[in-house]
Amino acid sequence: MISLNKFMLEVKNRLKRLEEKHNIKESISLTGIWTAPHDGIVTCNGRATAAGAYLFCKDMTENEYVGMCTIANYQQYGSTCFAVIKGHEYTFIQQNWGEQRNAYIHQN
């Protein structure tokens, strides 16, 4: 049976490792196929350059749509956020999606 001291030492070590991690923000492009270098979160923001703008984000590895955003009216804004898995390939299908602000956030 594990002693309380050993247990608390292990808890302390794991908490210390969590404290040492920090988030890193990188910009990404929505053209072509993008491979996630780490597990993380992608946030895509945009503004409609015409009525009926949309952005679809697809995990090509799993063949699943993971993020979608539609904007009904011209000059309005929209955003989508989704988790990405290390090594998975993603593609972005868009129409009338302008003024992009896209970020990929992961821990080191």
N, C-alpha and C. Protein backbone atom coordinates (compact mmCIF):
# COMPACT_ATOMS: atom_id res chain seq x y z
N MET A 1 0.84 -1.19 0.00
CA MET A 1 0.00 0.00 0.00
C MET A 1 0.89 1.25 0.00
N ILE A 2 0.51 2.20 -0.82
CA ILE A 2 1.30 3.42 -0.96
C ILE A 2 1.13 4.31 0.27
N SER A 3 2.22 4.87 0.72
CA SER A 3 2.14 5.74 1.89
C SER A 3 1.60 7.11 1.49
N LEU A 4 1.07 7.81 2.45
CA LEU A 4 0.53 9.14 2.21
C LEU A 4 1.62 10.10 1.73
N ASN A 5 2.82 9.96 2.27
CA ASN A 5 3.93 10.83 1.86
C ASN A 5 4.28 10.63 0.39
N LYS A 6 4.36 9.36 -0.06
CA LYS A 6 4.66 9.08 -1.46
C LYS A 6 3.55 9.60 -2.37
N PHE A 7 2.32 9.42 -1.93
CA PHE A 7 1.18 9.89 -2.71
C PHE A 7 1.22 11.41 -2.88
N MET A 8 1.44 12.12 -1.78
CA MET A 8 1.47 13.59 -1.83
C MET A 8 2.67 14.09 -2.65
N LEU A 9 3.80 13.38 -2.60
CA LEU A 9 4.95 13.75 -3.41
C LEU A 9 4.63 13.61 -4.90
N GLU A 10 3.93 12.54 -5.26
CA GLU A 10 3.54 12.34 -6.66
C GLU A 10 2.56 13.42 -7.11
N VAL A 11 1.59 13.77 -6.27
CA VAL A 11 0.64 14.85 -6.59
C VAL A 11 1.39 16.16 -6.79
N LYS A 12 2.34 16.45 -5.91
CA LYS A 12 3.13 17.68 -6.01
C LYS A 12 3.91 17.72 -7.33
N ASN A 13 4.53 16.61 -7.71
CA ASN A 13 5.30 16.56 -8.95
C ASN A 13 4.42 16.76 -10.18
N ARG A 14 3.25 16.17 -10.18
CA ARG A 14 2.34 16.33 -11.33
C ARG A 14 1.81 17.75 -11.43
N LEU A 15 1.49 18.36 -10.30
CA LEU A 15 1.03 19.75 -10.32
C LEU A 15 2.13 20.68 -10.80
N LYS A 16 3.37 20.39 -10.41
CA LYS A 16 4.49 21.23 -10.85
C LYS A 16 4.65 21.17 -12.37
N ARG A 17 4.49 19.97 -12.95
CA ARG A 17 4.59 19.85 -14.41
C ARG A 17 3.48 20.64 -15.10
N LEU A 18 2.28 20.64 -14.52
CA LEU A 18 1.18 21.43 -15.11
C LEU A 18 1.48 22.92 -15.05
N GLU A 19 2.06 23.38 -13.96
CA GLU A 19 2.38 24.80 -13.82
C GLU A 19 3.44 25.25 -14.83
N GLU A 20 4.33 24.35 -15.22
CA GLU A 20 5.40 24.69 -16.14
C GLU A 20 4.93 24.81 -17.58
N LYS A 21 3.76 24.29 -17.89
CA LYS A 21 3.24 24.37 -19.26
C LYS A 21 2.61 25.73 -19.51
N HIS A 22 2.70 26.19 -20.74
CA HIS A 22 2.03 27.43 -21.12
C HIS A 22 1.51 27.30 -22.55
N ASN A 23 0.55 28.13 -22.87
CA ASN A 23 -0.08 28.09 -24.19
C ASN A 23 0.73 28.88 -25.20
N ILE A 24 0.75 28.37 -26.43
CA ILE A 24 1.43 29.03 -27.54
C ILE A 24 0.39 29.29 -28.62
N LYS A 25 0.37 30.52 -29.15
CA LYS A 25 -0.58 30.90 -30.19
C LYS A 25 0.17 31.10 -31.50
N GLU A 26 -0.33 30.45 -32.56
CA GLU A 26 0.27 30.58 -33.89
C GLU A 26 -0.83 30.93 -34.88
N SER A 27 -0.47 31.64 -35.93
CA SER A 27 -1.41 31.91 -37.02
C SER A 27 -1.37 30.75 -38.00
N ILE A 28 -2.51 30.46 -38.62
CA ILE A 28 -2.56 29.42 -39.65
C ILE A 28 -3.27 29.95 -40.87
N SER A 29 -3.01 29.33 -42.00
CA SER A 29 -3.67 29.67 -43.25
C SER A 29 -4.77 28.65 -43.52
N LEU A 30 -5.86 29.11 -44.11
CA LEU A 30 -6.98 28.22 -44.40
C LEU A 30 -6.93 27.66 -45.81
N THR A 31 -5.79 27.76 -46.47
CA THR A 31 -5.68 27.23 -47.83
C THR A 31 -5.00 25.87 -47.80
N GLY A 32 -5.42 24.99 -48.67
CA GLY A 32 -4.82 23.66 -48.78
C GLY A 32 -5.14 22.77 -47.60
N ILE A 33 -4.26 21.80 -47.37
CA ILE A 33 -4.43 20.86 -46.27
C ILE A 33 -3.42 21.21 -45.19
N TRP A 34 -3.87 21.28 -43.95
CA TRP A 34 -3.03 21.62 -42.81
C TRP A 34 -2.96 20.42 -41.87
N THR A 35 -1.75 20.06 -41.43
CA THR A 35 -1.56 18.96 -40.48
C THR A 35 -1.25 19.55 -39.11
N ALA A 36 -1.99 19.13 -38.10
CA ALA A 36 -1.80 19.64 -36.74
C ALA A 36 -0.51 19.07 -36.15
N PRO A 37 0.45 19.93 -35.77
CA PRO A 37 1.69 19.44 -35.19
C PRO A 37 1.55 19.02 -33.73
N HIS A 38 0.49 19.48 -33.06
CA HIS A 38 0.23 19.15 -31.65
C HIS A 38 -1.28 19.08 -31.45
N ASP A 39 -1.71 18.46 -30.35
CA ASP A 39 -3.11 18.58 -29.95
C ASP A 39 -3.34 20.04 -29.58
N GLY A 40 -4.51 20.57 -29.91
CA GLY A 40 -4.77 21.96 -29.59
C GLY A 40 -6.14 22.41 -30.02
N ILE A 41 -6.30 23.71 -30.12
CA ILE A 41 -7.56 24.35 -30.48
C ILE A 41 -7.31 25.29 -31.67
N VAL A 42 -8.23 25.28 -32.63
CA VAL A 42 -8.18 26.23 -33.74
C VAL A 42 -9.40 27.14 -33.64
N THR A 43 -9.16 28.43 -33.77
CA THR A 43 -10.24 29.42 -33.80
C THR A 43 -10.17 30.16 -35.12
N CYS A 44 -11.29 30.20 -35.84
CA CYS A 44 -11.37 30.89 -37.13
C CYS A 44 -12.44 31.97 -37.04
N ASN A 45 -12.05 33.19 -37.36
CA ASN A 45 -12.97 34.32 -37.37
C ASN A 45 -12.93 34.97 -38.74
N GLY A 46 -14.07 35.48 -39.19
CA GLY A 46 -14.10 36.12 -40.49
C GLY A 46 -15.28 37.05 -40.66
N ARG A 47 -15.26 37.75 -41.78
CA ARG A 47 -16.32 38.70 -42.11
C ARG A 47 -16.81 38.39 -43.52
N ALA A 48 -18.11 38.43 -43.69
CA ALA A 48 -18.71 38.10 -44.99
C ALA A 48 -18.41 39.18 -46.01
N THR A 49 -17.88 38.78 -47.16
CA THR A 49 -17.64 39.71 -48.25
C THR A 49 -18.84 39.75 -49.20
N ALA A 50 -19.82 38.91 -48.94
CA ALA A 50 -21.08 38.87 -49.69
C ALA A 50 -22.09 38.11 -48.84
N ALA A 51 -23.36 38.23 -49.17
CA ALA A 51 -24.39 37.48 -48.44
C ALA A 51 -24.17 35.99 -48.67
N GLY A 52 -24.38 35.21 -47.65
CA GLY A 52 -24.25 33.76 -47.77
C GLY A 52 -22.82 33.26 -47.66
N ALA A 53 -22.04 33.82 -46.76
CA ALA A 53 -20.66 33.36 -46.56
C ALA A 53 -20.66 32.13 -45.65
N TYR A 54 -19.65 31.27 -45.85
CA TYR A 54 -19.52 30.10 -44.98
C TYR A 54 -18.08 29.64 -44.88
N LEU A 55 -17.81 28.88 -43.81
CA LEU A 55 -16.53 28.22 -43.60
C LEU A 55 -16.81 26.86 -43.00
N PHE A 56 -16.33 25.80 -43.64
CA PHE A 56 -16.45 24.44 -43.13
C PHE A 56 -15.05 23.92 -42.87
N CYS A 57 -14.85 23.28 -41.74
CA CYS A 57 -13.56 22.71 -41.37
C CYS A 57 -13.72 21.20 -41.25
N LYS A 58 -12.91 20.47 -42.01
CA LYS A 58 -13.06 19.02 -42.07
C LYS A 58 -11.77 18.32 -41.64
N ASP A 59 -11.91 17.33 -40.75
CA ASP A 59 -10.81 16.44 -40.37
C ASP A 59 -10.73 15.37 -41.45
N MET A 60 -9.73 15.47 -42.31
CA MET A 60 -9.59 14.52 -43.43
C MET A 60 -9.22 13.12 -42.93
N THR A 61 -8.52 13.04 -41.81
CA THR A 61 -8.12 11.75 -41.26
C THR A 61 -9.33 10.94 -40.82
N GLU A 62 -10.29 11.60 -40.16
CA GLU A 62 -11.49 10.93 -39.66
C GLU A 62 -12.68 11.07 -40.62
N ASN A 63 -12.51 11.89 -41.67
CA ASN A 63 -13.59 12.16 -42.62
C ASN A 63 -14.84 12.72 -41.92
N GLU A 64 -14.60 13.69 -41.02
CA GLU A 64 -15.68 14.30 -40.24
C GLU A 64 -15.55 15.82 -40.29
N TYR A 65 -16.67 16.51 -40.37
CA TYR A 65 -16.66 17.97 -40.23
C TYR A 65 -16.58 18.29 -38.74
N VAL A 66 -15.63 19.14 -38.37
CA VAL A 66 -15.40 19.46 -36.97
C VAL A 66 -15.76 20.90 -36.63
N GLY A 67 -15.91 21.76 -37.63
CA GLY A 67 -16.27 23.15 -37.39
C GLY A 67 -17.01 23.72 -38.58
N MET A 68 -18.05 24.50 -38.31
CA MET A 68 -18.83 25.11 -39.38
C MET A 68 -19.31 26.48 -38.92
N CYS A 69 -19.35 27.42 -39.85
CA CYS A 69 -19.89 28.74 -39.57
C CYS A 69 -20.51 29.29 -40.84
N THR A 70 -21.71 29.80 -40.73
CA THR A 70 -22.35 30.49 -41.85
C THR A 70 -22.70 31.90 -41.43
N ILE A 71 -22.61 32.82 -42.38
CA ILE A 71 -22.96 34.22 -42.14
C ILE A 71 -23.99 34.60 -43.19
N ALA A 72 -25.17 35.00 -42.75
CA ALA A 72 -26.28 35.25 -43.67
C ALA A 72 -26.14 36.57 -44.44
N ASN A 73 -25.64 37.61 -43.78
CA ASN A 73 -25.67 38.94 -44.38
C ASN A 73 -24.27 39.50 -44.65
N TYR A 74 -24.19 40.34 -45.66
CA TYR A 74 -22.97 41.02 -46.05
C TYR A 74 -22.41 41.85 -44.90
N GLN A 75 -21.10 41.80 -44.71
CA GLN A 75 -20.35 42.58 -43.72
C GLN A 75 -20.57 42.13 -42.27
N GLN A 76 -21.27 41.03 -42.03
CA GLN A 76 -21.40 40.54 -40.67
C GLN A 76 -20.25 39.58 -40.36
N TYR A 77 -20.05 39.31 -39.07
CA TYR A 77 -18.93 38.49 -38.62
C TYR A 77 -19.41 37.13 -38.14
N GLY A 78 -18.49 36.17 -38.17
CA GLY A 78 -18.77 34.84 -37.65
C GLY A 78 -17.49 34.18 -37.17
N SER A 79 -17.64 33.15 -36.34
CA SER A 79 -16.46 32.43 -35.85
C SER A 79 -16.81 30.99 -35.54
N THR A 80 -15.80 30.15 -35.55
CA THR A 80 -15.93 28.76 -35.15
C THR A 80 -14.66 28.36 -34.42
N CYS A 81 -14.79 27.42 -33.51
CA CYS A 81 -13.67 26.95 -32.71
C CYS A 81 -13.79 25.43 -32.59
N PHE A 82 -12.68 24.72 -32.75
CA PHE A 82 -12.74 23.26 -32.65
C PHE A 82 -11.38 22.71 -32.21
N ALA A 83 -11.42 21.51 -31.64
CA ALA A 83 -10.20 20.84 -31.19
C ALA A 83 -9.54 20.14 -32.37
N VAL A 84 -8.21 20.11 -32.36
CA VAL A 84 -7.45 19.38 -33.38
C VAL A 84 -6.57 18.34 -32.70
N ILE A 85 -6.29 17.27 -33.42
CA ILE A 85 -5.51 16.15 -32.90
C ILE A 85 -4.18 16.07 -33.64
N LYS A 86 -3.12 15.90 -32.90
CA LYS A 86 -1.78 15.83 -33.48
C LYS A 86 -1.73 14.79 -34.60
N GLY A 87 -1.19 15.21 -35.75
CA GLY A 87 -1.02 14.31 -36.89
C GLY A 87 -2.21 14.23 -37.83
N HIS A 88 -3.37 14.75 -37.41
CA HIS A 88 -4.55 14.72 -38.29
C HIS A 88 -4.44 15.83 -39.33
N GLU A 89 -4.99 15.57 -40.50
CA GLU A 89 -5.00 16.55 -41.58
C GLU A 89 -6.36 17.23 -41.64
N TYR A 90 -6.35 18.55 -41.84
CA TYR A 90 -7.57 19.34 -41.88
C TYR A 90 -7.62 20.14 -43.17
N THR A 91 -8.82 20.31 -43.69
CA THR A 91 -9.02 21.16 -44.86
C THR A 91 -10.14 22.15 -44.54
N PHE A 92 -10.10 23.31 -45.19
CA PHE A 92 -11.06 24.38 -44.93
C PHE A 92 -11.75 24.74 -46.24
N ILE A 93 -13.06 24.64 -46.24
CA ILE A 93 -13.86 24.96 -47.42
C ILE A 93 -14.58 26.27 -47.12
N GLN A 94 -14.40 27.27 -47.97
CA GLN A 94 -14.95 28.59 -47.67
C GLN A 94 -15.47 29.28 -48.92
N GLN A 95 -16.41 30.18 -48.67
CA GLN A 95 -16.91 31.04 -49.74
C GLN A 95 -17.27 32.38 -49.12
N ASN A 96 -16.82 33.46 -49.77
CA ASN A 96 -17.10 34.83 -49.33
C ASN A 96 -16.64 35.08 -47.88
N TRP A 97 -15.57 34.41 -47.47
CA TRP A 97 -15.05 34.50 -46.11
C TRP A 97 -13.83 35.41 -46.13
N GLY A 98 -13.97 36.65 -45.64
CA GLY A 98 -12.88 37.62 -45.69
C GLY A 98 -12.43 38.08 -44.32
N GLU A 99 -11.42 38.95 -44.29
CA GLU A 99 -10.85 39.51 -43.06
C GLU A 99 -10.60 38.43 -42.02
N GLN A 100 -9.87 37.42 -42.42
CA GLN A 100 -9.67 36.27 -41.55
C GLN A 100 -8.73 36.55 -40.40
N ARG A 101 -9.08 36.04 -39.25
CA ARG A 101 -8.23 36.04 -38.06
C ARG A 101 -8.27 34.61 -37.54
N ASN A 102 -7.24 33.83 -37.86
CA ASN A 102 -7.23 32.42 -37.51
C ASN A 102 -6.08 32.16 -36.54
N ALA A 103 -6.34 31.37 -35.52
CA ALA A 103 -5.31 31.08 -34.52
C ALA A 103 -5.33 29.59 -34.18
N TYR A 104 -4.14 29.07 -33.95
CA TYR A 104 -3.94 27.69 -33.50
C TYR A 104 -3.25 27.79 -32.15
N ILE A 105 -3.86 27.23 -31.11
CA ILE A 105 -3.34 27.35 -29.75
C ILE A 105 -3.05 25.95 -29.22
N HIS A 106 -1.85 25.78 -28.68
CA HIS A 106 -1.46 24.49 -28.09
C HIS A 106 -0.54 24.73 -26.91
N GLN A 107 -0.33 23.68 -26.09
CA GLN A 107 0.59 23.78 -24.96
C GLN A 107 1.95 23.25 -25.35
N ASN A 108 2.98 23.82 -24.72
CA ASN A 108 4.32 23.28 -25.01
C ASN A 108 4.65 22.18 -24.04
